[in-house]
């Protein structure tokens, strides 16, 4: 029963992460996703976005 809860929790986290990337991509985040090696501003924007939404 607990493992099912963890499975749903991880799926929810993954969906929230994807939604964050989609929301950040409106502000030009998809360009940095293409250049994933250079962990740049998209990550910082996503972190700021999460801070504001929380």
PDB file of N, CA and C in Angstrom:
ATOM      1  N   UNK A   1       0.835  -1.201   0.000  1.00  0.00           N
ATOM      2  CA  UNK A   1       0.000   0.000   0.000  1.00  0.00           C
ATOM      3  C   UNK A   1       0.877   1.261   0.000  1.00  0.00           C
ATOM      4  N   UNK A   2       1.944   1.215   0.802  1.00  0.00           N
ATOM      5  CA  UNK A   2       2.835   2.374   0.876  1.00  0.00           C
ATOM      6  C   UNK A   2       3.573   2.588  -0.444  1.00  0.00           C
ATOM      7  N   UNK A   3       3.945   1.485  -1.100  1.00  0.00           N
ATOM      8  CA  UNK A   3       4.670   1.619  -2.368  1.00  0.00           C
ATOM      9  C   UNK A   3       3.785   2.250  -3.437  1.00  0.00           C
ATOM     10  N   UNK A   4       2.489   1.963  -3.389  1.00  0.00           N
ATOM     11  CA  UNK A   4       1.566   2.580  -4.347  1.00  0.00           C
ATOM     12  C   UNK A   4       1.501   4.085  -4.112  1.00  0.00           C
ATOM     13  N   UNK A   5       1.506   4.481  -2.839  1.00  0.00           N
ATOM     14  CA  UNK A   5       1.491   5.910  -2.520  1.00  0.00           C
ATOM     15  C   UNK A   5       2.762   6.583  -3.023  1.00  0.00           C
ATOM     16  N   UNK A   6       3.906   5.904  -2.854  1.00  0.00           N
ATOM     17  CA  UNK A   6       5.162   6.475  -3.356  1.00  0.00           C
ATOM     18  C   UNK A   6       5.157   6.555  -4.877  1.00  0.00           C
ATOM     19  N   UNK A   7       4.566   5.548  -5.529  1.00  0.00           N
ATOM     20  CA  UNK A   7       4.480   5.551  -6.991  1.00  0.00           C
ATOM     21  C   UNK A   7       3.657   6.742  -7.470  1.00  0.00           C
ATOM     22  N   UNK A   8       2.492   6.945  -6.839  1.00  0.00           N
ATOM     23  CA  UNK A   8       1.662   8.085  -7.219  1.00  0.00           C
ATOM     24  C   UNK A   8       2.359   9.406  -6.914  1.00  0.00           C
ATOM     25  N   UNK A   9       3.082   9.460  -5.801  1.00  0.00           N
ATOM     26  CA  UNK A   9       3.792  10.677  -5.445  1.00  0.00           C
ATOM     27  C   UNK A   9       4.878  11.021  -6.441  1.00  0.00           C
ATOM     28  N   UNK A  10       5.626  10.002  -6.871  1.00  0.00           N
ATOM     29  CA  UNK A  10       6.696  10.269  -7.836  1.00  0.00           C
ATOM     30  C   UNK A  10       6.116  10.651  -9.194  1.00  0.00           C
ATOM     31  N   UNK A  11       4.991  10.032  -9.568  1.00  0.00           N
ATOM     32  CA  UNK A  11       4.348  10.408 -10.832  1.00  0.00           C
ATOM     33  C   UNK A  11       3.857  11.851 -10.772  1.00  0.00           C
ATOM     34  N   UNK A  12       3.319  12.240  -9.615  1.00  0.00           N
ATOM     35  CA  UNK A  12       2.856  13.616  -9.441  1.00  0.00           C
ATOM     36  C   UNK A  12       4.020  14.593  -9.506  1.00  0.00           C
ATOM     37  N   UNK A  13       5.142  14.237  -8.863  1.00  0.00           N
ATOM     38  CA  UNK A  13       6.330  15.090  -8.911  1.00  0.00           C
ATOM     39  C   UNK A  13       6.827  15.248 -10.341  1.00  0.00           C
ATOM     40  N   UNK A  14       6.839  14.122 -11.093  1.00  0.00           N
ATOM     41  CA  UNK A  14       7.291  14.175 -12.480  1.00  0.00           C
ATOM     42  C   UNK A  14       6.378  15.076 -13.309  1.00  0.00           C
ATOM     43  N   UNK A  15       5.064  14.968 -13.078  1.00  0.00           N
ATOM     44  CA  UNK A  15       4.111  15.803 -13.814  1.00  0.00           C
ATOM     45  C   UNK A  15       4.291  17.274 -13.455  1.00  0.00           C
ATOM     46  N   UNK A  16       4.548  17.561 -12.178  1.00  0.00           N
ATOM     47  CA  UNK A  16       4.756  18.935 -11.759  1.00  0.00           C
ATOM     48  C   UNK A  16       6.034  19.494 -12.366  1.00  0.00           C
ATOM     49  N   UNK A  17       7.063  18.649 -12.456  1.00  0.00           N
ATOM     50  CA  UNK A  17       8.317  19.085 -13.069  1.00  0.00           C
ATOM     51  C   UNK A  17       8.106  19.413 -14.549  1.00  0.00           C
ATOM     52  N   UNK A  18       7.362  18.546 -15.240  1.00  0.00           N
ATOM     53  CA  UNK A  18       7.065  18.795 -16.646  1.00  0.00           C
ATOM     54  C   UNK A  18       6.252  20.062 -16.841  1.00  0.00           C
ATOM     55  N   UNK A  19       5.272  20.283 -15.946  1.00  0.00           N
ATOM     56  CA  UNK A  19       4.457  21.494 -16.036  1.00  0.00           C
ATOM     57  C   UNK A  19       5.301  22.734 -15.773  1.00  0.00           C
ATOM     58  N   UNK A  20       6.273  22.611 -14.874  1.00  0.00           N
ATOM     59  CA  UNK A  20       7.166  23.744 -14.603  1.00  0.00           C
ATOM     60  C   UNK A  20       7.985  24.079 -15.838  1.00  0.00           C
ATOM     61  N   UNK A  21       8.516  23.046 -16.508  1.00  0.00           N
ATOM     62  CA  UNK A  21       9.302  23.281 -17.724  1.00  0.00           C
ATOM     63  C   UNK A  21       8.427  23.933 -18.790  1.00  0.00           C
ATOM     64  N   UNK A  22       7.176  23.462 -18.913  1.00  0.00           N
ATOM     65  CA  UNK A  22       6.279  24.058 -19.898  1.00  0.00           C
ATOM     66  C   UNK A  22       5.970  25.509 -19.557  1.00  0.00           C
ATOM     67  N   UNK A  23       5.763  25.791 -18.272  1.00  0.00           N
ATOM     68  CA  UNK A  23       5.456  27.165 -17.874  1.00  0.00           C
ATOM     69  C   UNK A  23       6.662  28.071 -18.081  1.00  0.00           C
ATOM     70  N   UNK A  24       7.857  27.561 -17.777  1.00  0.00           N
ATOM     71  CA  UNK A  24       9.069  28.360 -17.939  1.00  0.00           C
ATOM     72  C   UNK A  24       9.385  28.554 -19.420  1.00  0.00           C
ATOM     73  N   UNK A  25       8.991  27.582 -20.257  1.00  0.00           N
ATOM     74  CA  UNK A  25       9.308  27.684 -21.684  1.00  0.00           C
ATOM     75  C   UNK A  25       8.596  28.863 -22.326  1.00  0.00           C
ATOM     76  N   UNK A  26       7.513  29.332 -21.722  1.00  0.00           N
ATOM     77  CA  UNK A  26       6.875  30.539 -22.253  1.00  0.00           C
ATOM     78  C   UNK A  26       7.779  31.750 -22.104  1.00  0.00           C
ATOM     79  N   UNK A  27       8.666  31.721 -21.113  1.00  0.00           N
ATOM     80  CA  UNK A  27       9.581  32.844 -20.890  1.00  0.00           C
ATOM     81  C   UNK A  27      10.962  32.557 -21.463  1.00  0.00           C
ATOM     82  N   UNK A  28      11.036  31.705 -22.504  1.00  0.00           N
ATOM     83  CA  UNK A  28      12.306  31.446 -23.160  1.00  0.00           C
ATOM     84  C   UNK A  28      13.109  30.336 -22.523  1.00  0.00           C
ATOM     85  N   UNK A  29      12.483  29.459 -21.753  1.00  0.00           N
ATOM     86  CA  UNK A  29      13.220  28.380 -21.109  1.00  0.00           C
ATOM     87  C   UNK A  29      13.582  27.256 -22.055  1.00  0.00           C
ATOM     88  N   UNK A  30      12.840  27.117 -23.168  1.00  0.00           N
ATOM     89  CA  UNK A  30      13.109  25.986 -24.064  1.00  0.00           C
ATOM     90  C   UNK A  30      14.444  26.135 -24.775  1.00  0.00           C
ATOM     91  N   UNK A  31      14.948  27.361 -24.914  1.00  0.00           N
ATOM     92  CA  UNK A  31      16.266  27.520 -25.533  1.00  0.00           C
ATOM     93  C   UNK A  31      17.344  26.947 -24.638  1.00  0.00           C
ATOM     94  N   UNK A  32      17.203  27.122 -23.320  1.00  0.00           N
ATOM     95  CA  UNK A  32      18.207  26.580 -22.415  1.00  0.00           C
ATOM     96  C   UNK A  32      18.045  25.078 -22.252  1.00  0.00           C
ATOM     97  N   UNK A  33      16.826  24.560 -22.451  1.00  0.00           N
ATOM     98  CA  UNK A  33      16.634  23.110 -22.366  1.00  0.00           C
ATOM     99  C   UNK A  33      17.406  22.437 -23.493  1.00  0.00           C
ATOM    100  N   UNK A  34      17.452  23.092 -24.670  1.00  0.00           N
ATOM    101  CA  UNK A  34      18.242  22.533 -25.773  1.00  0.00           C
ATOM    102  C   UNK A  34      19.724  22.523 -25.428  1.00  0.00           C
ATOM    103  N   UNK A  35      20.185  23.502 -24.672  1.00  0.00           N
ATOM    104  CA  UNK A  35      21.598  23.550 -24.262  1.00  0.00           C
ATOM    105  C   UNK A  35      21.706  23.041 -22.827  1.00  0.00           C
ATOM    106  N   UNK A  36      21.362  21.776 -22.617  1.00  0.00           N
ATOM    107  CA  UNK A  36      21.243  21.247 -21.264  1.00  0.00           C
ATOM    108  C   UNK A  36      22.582  21.181 -20.550  1.00  0.00           C
ATOM    109  N   UNK A  37      23.690  21.123 -21.297  1.00  0.00           N
ATOM    110  CA  UNK A  37      25.001  21.012 -20.654  1.00  0.00           C
ATOM    111  C   UNK A  37      25.321  22.252 -19.838  1.00  0.00           C
ATOM    112  N   UNK A  38      24.813  23.408 -20.303  1.00  0.00           N
ATOM    113  CA  UNK A  38      25.179  24.671 -19.680  1.00  0.00           C
ATOM    114  C   UNK A  38      24.054  25.056 -18.720  1.00  0.00           C
ATOM    115  N   UNK A  39      24.026  24.508 -17.502  1.00  0.00           N
ATOM    116  CA  UNK A  39      22.872  24.639 -16.607  1.00  0.00           C
ATOM    117  C   UNK A  39      22.639  26.097 -16.281  1.00  0.00           C
ATOM    118  N   UNK A  40      21.844  26.733 -17.116  1.00  0.00           N
ATOM    119  CA  UNK A  40      21.768  28.180 -17.023  1.00  0.00           C
ATOM    120  C   UNK A  40      20.491  28.697 -16.423  1.00  0.00           C
ATOM    121  N   UNK A  41      19.953  29.692 -17.107  1.00  0.00           N
ATOM    122  CA  UNK A  41      18.914  30.506 -16.501  1.00  0.00           C
ATOM    123  C   UNK A  41      17.581  29.790 -16.415  1.00  0.00           C
ATOM    124  N   UNK A  42      17.332  28.793 -17.268  1.00  0.00           N
ATOM    125  CA  UNK A  42      16.041  28.102 -17.210  1.00  0.00           C
ATOM    126  C   UNK A  42      15.873  27.416 -15.864  1.00  0.00           C
ATOM    127  N   UNK A  43      16.959  26.847 -15.354  1.00  0.00           N
ATOM    128  CA  UNK A  43      16.896  26.182 -14.054  1.00  0.00           C
ATOM    129  C   UNK A  43      16.612  27.199 -12.960  1.00  0.00           C
ATOM    130  N   UNK A  44      17.276  28.351 -13.035  1.00  0.00           N
ATOM    131  CA  UNK A  44      17.044  29.381 -12.023  1.00  0.00           C
ATOM    132  C   UNK A  44      15.621  29.925 -12.122  1.00  0.00           C
ATOM    133  N   UNK A  45      15.131  30.094 -13.364  1.00  0.00           N
ATOM    134  CA  UNK A  45      13.759  30.559 -13.535  1.00  0.00           C
ATOM    135  C   UNK A  45      12.778  29.549 -12.979  1.00  0.00           C
ATOM    136  N   UNK A  46      13.047  28.257 -13.208  1.00  0.00           N
ATOM    137  CA  UNK A  46      12.156  27.222 -12.689  1.00  0.00           C
ATOM    138  C   UNK A  46      12.163  27.223 -11.166  1.00  0.00           C
ATOM    139  N   UNK A  47      13.346  27.408 -10.566  1.00  0.00           N
ATOM    140  CA  UNK A  47      13.430  27.444  -9.104  1.00  0.00           C
ATOM    141  C   UNK A  47      12.667  28.645  -8.558  1.00  0.00           C
ATOM    142  N   UNK A  48      12.818  29.798  -9.213  1.00  0.00           N
ATOM    143  CA  UNK A  48      12.085  30.986  -8.774  1.00  0.00           C
ATOM    144  C   UNK A  48      10.586  30.792  -8.940  1.00  0.00           C
ATOM    145  N   UNK A  49      10.202  30.166 -10.071  1.00  0.00           N
ATOM    146  CA  UNK A  49       8.791  29.889 -10.328  1.00  0.00           C
ATOM    147  C   UNK A  49       8.208  29.018  -9.221  1.00  0.00           C
ATOM    148  N   UNK A  50       8.965  27.986  -8.804  1.00  0.00           N
ATOM    149  CA  UNK A  50       8.470  27.115  -7.736  1.00  0.00           C
ATOM    150  C   UNK A  50       8.396  27.854  -6.419  1.00  0.00           C
ATOM    151  N   UNK A  51       9.362  28.736  -6.157  1.00  0.00           N
ATOM    152  CA  UNK A  51       9.300  29.501  -4.909  1.00  0.00           C
ATOM    153  C   UNK A  51       8.060  30.380  -4.878  1.00  0.00           C
ATOM    154  N   UNK A  52       7.730  30.980  -6.026  1.00  0.00           N
ATOM    155  CA  UNK A  52       6.547  31.834  -6.059  1.00  0.00           C
ATOM    156  C   UNK A  52       5.272  31.017  -5.944  1.00  0.00           C
ATOM    157  N   UNK A  53       5.231  29.835  -6.589  1.00  0.00           N
ATOM    158  CA  UNK A  53       3.989  29.056  -6.536  1.00  0.00           C
ATOM    159  C   UNK A  53       3.797  28.407  -5.174  1.00  0.00           C
ATOM    160  N   UNK A  54       4.880  28.059  -4.493  1.00  0.00           N
ATOM    161  CA  UNK A  54       4.737  27.498  -3.154  1.00  0.00           C
ATOM    162  C   UNK A  54       4.396  28.627  -2.201  1.00  0.00           C
TER     163      UNK A  54
END
